[in-house]
C-alpha atoms as a PDB file:
ATOM      1  CA  MET A   1      -9.719  12.340  13.812  1.00  0.00           C
ATOM      2  CA  THR A   2     -12.507  12.308  10.886  1.00  0.00           C
ATOM      3  CA  SER A   3     -14.297   9.310  10.320  1.00  0.00           C
ATOM      4  CA  ALA A   4     -14.152   7.919   7.190  1.00  0.00           C
ATOM      5  CA  ALA A   5     -17.725   8.097   6.702  1.00  0.00           C
ATOM      6  CA  SER A   6     -17.817  11.889   7.217  1.00  0.00           C
ATOM      7  CA  THR A   7     -15.281  12.763   4.719  1.00  0.00           C
ATOM      8  CA  GLY A   8     -16.685  10.810   1.624  1.00  0.00           C
ATOM      9  CA  SER A   9     -13.084  10.223   0.351  1.00  0.00           C
ATOM     10  CA  PRO A  10     -13.007   7.278  -2.380  1.00  0.00           C
ATOM     11  CA  VAL A  11      -9.844   6.083  -0.817  1.00  0.00           C
ATOM     12  CA  ASP A  12     -11.770   5.241   2.629  1.00  0.00           C
ATOM     13  CA  GLY A  13     -13.479   1.947   3.042  1.00  0.00           C
ATOM     14  CA  ILE A  14     -13.628  -1.497   2.433  1.00  0.00           C
ATOM     15  CA  LEU A  15     -10.830  -1.569  -0.294  1.00  0.00           C
ATOM     16  CA  SER A  16      -8.078   0.521   1.610  1.00  0.00           C
ATOM     17  CA  THR A  17      -9.358  -1.432   4.476  1.00  0.00           C
ATOM     18  CA  ALA A  18      -8.377  -4.893   2.462  1.00  0.00           C
ATOM     19  CA  THR A  19      -5.110  -3.380   1.145  1.00  0.00           C
ATOM     20  CA  ILE A  20      -3.777  -2.706   4.943  1.00  0.00           C
ATOM     21  CA  VAL A  21      -4.936  -6.122   5.899  1.00  0.00           C
ATOM     22  CA  LEU A  22      -3.278  -7.620   2.927  1.00  0.00           C
ATOM     23  CA  SER A  23      -0.085  -6.095   3.180  1.00  0.00           C
ATOM     24  CA  LEU A  24       0.046  -7.026   6.954  1.00  0.00           C
ATOM     25  CA  VAL A  25      -0.544 -10.402   6.448  1.00  0.00           C
ATOM     26  CA  LEU A  26       2.391 -10.387   4.024  1.00  0.00           C
ATOM     27  CA  ALA A  27       4.272  -8.926   6.291  1.00  0.00           C
ATOM     28  CA  LEU A  28       4.148 -11.398   9.105  1.00  0.00           C
ATOM     29  CA  TRP A  29       4.148 -13.785   6.213  1.00  0.00           C
ATOM     30  CA  SER A  30       7.726 -12.695   5.369  1.00  0.00           C
ATOM     31  CA  LEU A  31       9.026 -11.871   8.686  1.00  0.00           C
ATOM     32  CA  VAL A  32       8.451 -15.556   9.369  1.00  0.00           C
ATOM     33  CA  ALA A  33      10.457 -16.918   6.221  1.00  0.00           C
ATOM     34  CA  ALA A  34      13.408 -13.952   7.306  1.00  0.00           C
ATOM     35  CA  VAL A  35      13.305 -15.447  10.918  1.00  0.00           C
ATOM     36  CA  ARG A  36      13.365 -18.990   9.666  1.00  0.00           C
ATOM     37  CA  HIS A  37      16.472 -17.803   7.053  1.00  0.00           C
ATOM     38  CA  ARG A  38      14.086 -18.413   4.118  1.00  0.00           C
ATOM     39  CA  PRO A  39      14.425 -16.368   0.813  1.00  0.00           C
ATOM     40  CA  PRO A  40      11.445 -15.132  -0.743  1.00  0.00           C
ATOM     41  CA  ASP A  41       9.442 -17.744  -2.502  1.00  0.00           C
ATOM     42  CA  ARG A  42       6.538 -17.713  -4.846  1.00  0.00           C
ATOM     43  CA  SER A  43       3.891 -17.283  -2.215  1.00  0.00           C
ATOM     44  CA  GLN A  44       5.928 -14.311  -1.084  1.00  0.00           C
ATOM     45  CA  PHE A  45       5.978 -12.862  -5.154  1.00  0.00           C
ATOM     46  CA  VAL A  46       2.092 -14.115  -5.521  1.00  0.00           C
ATOM     47  CA  GLY A  47       1.302 -12.031  -2.450  1.00  0.00           C
ATOM     48  CA  LEU A  48       3.004  -8.484  -4.063  1.00  0.00           C
ATOM     49  CA  ALA A  49       1.336  -9.304  -7.307  1.00  0.00           C
ATOM     50  CA  VAL A  50      -2.282  -9.263  -5.218  1.00  0.00           C
ATOM     51  CA  LEU A  51      -1.393  -6.470  -3.196  1.00  0.00           C
ATOM     52  CA  GLU A  52      -0.086  -4.740  -6.162  1.00  0.00           C
ATOM     53  CA  CYS A  53      -3.607  -5.459  -8.126  1.00  0.00           C
ATOM     54  CA  ALA A  54      -5.387  -4.028  -5.060  1.00  0.00           C
ATOM     55  CA  LEU A  55      -3.571  -0.813  -4.681  1.00  0.00           C
ATOM     56  CA  LEU A  56      -3.808   0.025  -8.603  1.00  0.00           C
ATOM     57  CA  VAL A  57      -7.501  -0.867  -7.777  1.00  0.00           C
ATOM     58  CA  LEU A  58      -7.466   1.463  -5.205  1.00  0.00           C
ATOM     59  CA  ALA A  59      -5.618   4.409  -7.247  1.00  0.00           C
ATOM     60  CA  VAL A  60      -7.755   3.959 -10.175  1.00  0.00           C
ATOM     61  CA  VAL A  61     -10.801   4.624  -7.442  1.00  0.00           C
ATOM     62  CA  ALA A  62      -8.916   7.711  -6.087  1.00  0.00           C
ATOM     63  CA  LEU A  63      -8.572   8.815 -10.027  1.00  0.00           C
ATOM     64  CA  VAL A  64     -12.327   8.401 -10.759  1.00  0.00           C
ATOM     65  CA  GLY A  65     -13.074  10.515  -7.462  1.00  0.00           C
ATOM     66  CA  LEU A  66     -11.045  13.239  -8.862  1.00  0.00           C
ATOM     67  CA  GLY A  67     -12.769  12.947 -12.298  1.00  0.00           C
ATOM     68  CA  ARG A  68     -16.090  13.347 -11.033  1.00  0.00           C
ATOM     69  CA  GLY A  69     -14.965  16.543  -9.174  1.00  0.00           C
ATOM     70  CA  GLU A  70     -13.658  15.663  -5.759  1.00  0.00           C
ATOM     71  CA  ARG A  71     -10.754  16.845  -4.494  1.00  0.00           C
ATOM     72  CA  PRO A  72      -7.995  16.378  -1.765  1.00  0.00           C
ATOM     73  CA  GLY A  73      -7.319  18.527   0.798  1.00  0.00           C
ATOM     74  CA  GLU A  74      -3.633  18.558  -0.503  1.00  0.00           C
ATOM     75  CA  PRO A  75      -3.260  17.371  -3.872  1.00  0.00           C
ATOM     76  CA  GLY A  76       0.508  17.491  -4.384  1.00  0.00           C
ATOM     77  CA  ALA A  77       0.937  15.579  -1.133  1.00  0.00           C
ATOM     78  CA  PHE A  78      -1.805  13.443  -2.345  1.00  0.00           C
ATOM     79  CA  PHE A  79      -0.319  12.770  -5.642  1.00  0.00           C
ATOM     80  CA  GLY A  80       3.142  11.852  -4.476  1.00  0.00           C
ATOM     81  CA  TYR A  81       1.540   9.150  -1.721  1.00  0.00           C
ATOM     82  CA  LEU A  82      -0.687   7.787  -4.751  1.00  0.00           C
ATOM     83  CA  VAL A  83       2.512   7.382  -6.885  1.00  0.00           C
ATOM     84  CA  THR A  84       4.625   5.735  -3.762  1.00  0.00           C
ATOM     85  CA  LEU A  85       2.032   3.241  -2.706  1.00  0.00           C
ATOM     86  CA  VAL A  86       1.794   1.669  -6.501  1.00  0.00           C
ATOM     87  CA  CYS A  87       5.623   1.327  -6.808  1.00  0.00           C
ATOM     88  CA  LEU A  88       6.218   0.049  -3.406  1.00  0.00           C
ATOM     89  CA  PRO A  89       5.064  -3.638  -3.994  1.00  0.00           C
ATOM     90  CA  PRO A  90       6.908  -3.560  -7.883  1.00  0.00           C
ATOM     91  CA  LEU A  91       9.795  -2.188  -5.856  1.00  0.00           C
ATOM     92  CA  ALA A  92       9.911  -4.905  -3.146  1.00  0.00           C
ATOM     93  CA  TRP A  93       9.381  -7.590  -5.864  1.00  0.00           C
ATOM     94  CA  VAL A  94      12.830  -6.346  -7.628  1.00  0.00           C
ATOM     95  CA  LEU A  95      14.901  -5.654  -4.753  1.00  0.00           C
ATOM     96  CA  ALA A  96      13.649  -9.309  -3.148  1.00  0.00           C
ATOM     97  CA  ARG A  97      14.439 -10.721  -6.539  1.00  0.00           C
ATOM     98  CA  MET A  98      18.122  -9.229  -6.364  1.00  0.00           C
ATOM     99  CA  GLU A  99      18.594 -10.582  -2.823  1.00  0.00           C
ATOM    100  CA  PRO A 100      17.180 -14.177  -3.062  1.00  0.00           C
ATOM    101  CA  THR A 101      18.537 -14.818   0.606  1.00  0.00           C
ATOM    102  CA  ARG A 102      16.592 -14.497   3.964  1.00  0.00           C
ATOM    103  CA  TRP A 103      17.322 -10.543   3.776  1.00  0.00           C
ATOM    104  CA  GLY A 104      15.071 -10.867   0.478  1.00  0.00           C
ATOM    105  CA  SER A 105      12.049 -11.760   2.816  1.00  0.00           C
ATOM    106  CA  ALA A 106      13.167  -8.856   4.870  1.00  0.00           C
ATOM    107  CA  ILE A 107      12.798  -6.668   2.096  1.00  0.00           C
ATOM    108  CA  VAL A 108       9.467  -7.623   1.484  1.00  0.00           C
ATOM    109  CA  CYS A 109       8.224  -7.617   5.238  1.00  0.00           C
ATOM    110  CA  ALA A 110       9.679  -4.090   5.373  1.00  0.00           C
ATOM    111  CA  VAL A 111       7.909  -2.744   2.470  1.00  0.00           C
ATOM    112  CA  CYS A 112       4.797  -4.491   3.296  1.00  0.00           C
ATOM    113  CA  LEU A 113       4.962  -2.676   6.639  1.00  0.00           C
ATOM    114  CA  VAL A 114       5.440   0.723   5.198  1.00  0.00           C
ATOM    115  CA  THR A 115       2.545   0.405   3.027  1.00  0.00           C
ATOM    116  CA  PRO A 116      -0.231   0.349   5.533  1.00  0.00           C
ATOM    117  CA  VAL A 117       1.170   3.694   6.377  1.00  0.00           C
ATOM    118  CA  VAL A 118       1.290   4.932   3.156  1.00  0.00           C
ATOM    119  CA  VAL A 119      -2.295   4.234   2.560  1.00  0.00           C
ATOM    120  CA  VAL A 120      -3.290   6.327   5.788  1.00  0.00           C
ATOM    121  CA  ARG A 121      -1.364   9.298   4.817  1.00  0.00           C
ATOM    122  CA  LEU A 122      -3.249   8.922   1.487  1.00  0.00           C
ATOM    123  CA  GLN A 123      -6.574   8.810   3.534  1.00  0.00           C
ATOM    124  CA  GLN A 124      -5.317  11.761   5.663  1.00  0.00           C
ATOM    125  CA  THR A 125      -3.895  13.843   2.825  1.00  0.00           C
ATOM    126  CA  TRP A 126      -7.420  13.755   1.101  1.00  0.00           C
ATOM    127  CA  ALA A 127      -9.387  14.417   4.455  1.00  0.00           C
ATOM    128  CA  VAL A 128      -7.504  17.945   5.007  1.00  0.00           C
ATOM    129  CA  VAL A 129      -9.800  20.517   4.770  1.00  0.00           C
ATOM    130  CA  GLY A 130      -8.580  24.265   5.110  1.00  0.00           C
ATOM    131  CA  GLY A 131      -4.673  23.276   5.515  1.00  0.00           C
END
């Protein structure tokens, strides 16, 4: 496994770590709400908005890296993960609003558990060298 420092990837570092931690905290928060039979509340929606902002900043950093001439190892997969990543919180928002029961909180939890996986895959597709 290649360390973040050796790849020089714009999607590695404190910002990606912060998005992962934020997503996992929001997942835990939403899981507690779902277990307590609570629908998604304002705090979960605010958390999704903050997470989306962080993911958009991560996407902009990645695109700036591309603008400087840096290239991901797997461009097709990288862009697929990037688009998916920025679409996840809005998707959770819409689905949770459509399901104002504890299952709405479960939806937020599930999406917030998927988000760190997609961030890590984004990092891995950038770091691939030589296919």
